């Protein structure tokens, strides 16, 4: 746990310099020389991935400059240099954005944080009018609002304390979610990657640091995945679920960031028309929030 102690200082914030250093180191370690057109000296290579001098050469910067950056000193680094390093490391768009957040953090105005995030009334009305599972997620993967269909598919979150309505806590700490997502490991990996992205944007968030610290203590799997420094943005995809009442579901999800500056997103799930999953959703719609409870009773 010593590594986590370094990453979660007593100030209640993540160590941005350590984050930058480890992110660059892990991205460099995953590249092989042949991936970037360099000769591989095989067994004579003592480090995994590219050497610092090789990466610096590819990025067109001095070894000393890149070394300082990988040691966490991103002060005065230019956008052009970051772009060159991102290309050399073959970063995804999400990873490139994460690198920029860590090296050139935006200055956020400090203001008292609300106890809980608020969802606009019009968004709540929109949720209620939708006939597909939908919810609003906020910072730190908090679940802020949802509709009847979401409760039928994922469980009735209204029965949980507010602080427990958090995807990371659900995925890593509640056994029923290990059974719901197939495979669970992919959902867990995605969840940690989303949190890493959030941490890069808001390294001074004490509630995020507390969440990471709690999960690192309670879940060895979270601790292992957090150490990979992988990042990912929520966008769209397909999820395989194994519902306790209707069985296997294949659902497409879309994440729509709200344009009000809150950082919240509307997430929807739907099944392709004419599929068994579409039939199963119609069945769940007739059960509503009682669907999960009925399924739990059937398996108890």
Foldseek 3Di string as FASTA:
>chain_A
DVVLCQQQDPLLFGDLLVLQLLLLVLLQLVAAQVNVPHDDPPPVDDGRHDDLCVLCVQLVHHSVVSVCRNSRALPPPDPSSLVSSCVSSVHDPLSSVLSCLSSPNDDDDDDDDDPDDDDDPVVQVVQAPDLFWKFKAAAQQATDGTYQLVLLLPNDCVVPPRVCRGPQCCLFPPVVNPQWFVPSLVVNLQSLQALLSSCSRCRSDSVSSVVLVVSVVVGVSSVVSNSSSHHDDAAKDWTWTQALQLGIAIWIKGWAQDPPPRRMIMMTIDHDPPDSNNVVSVVSSVVTNCNNVVSVVVVD
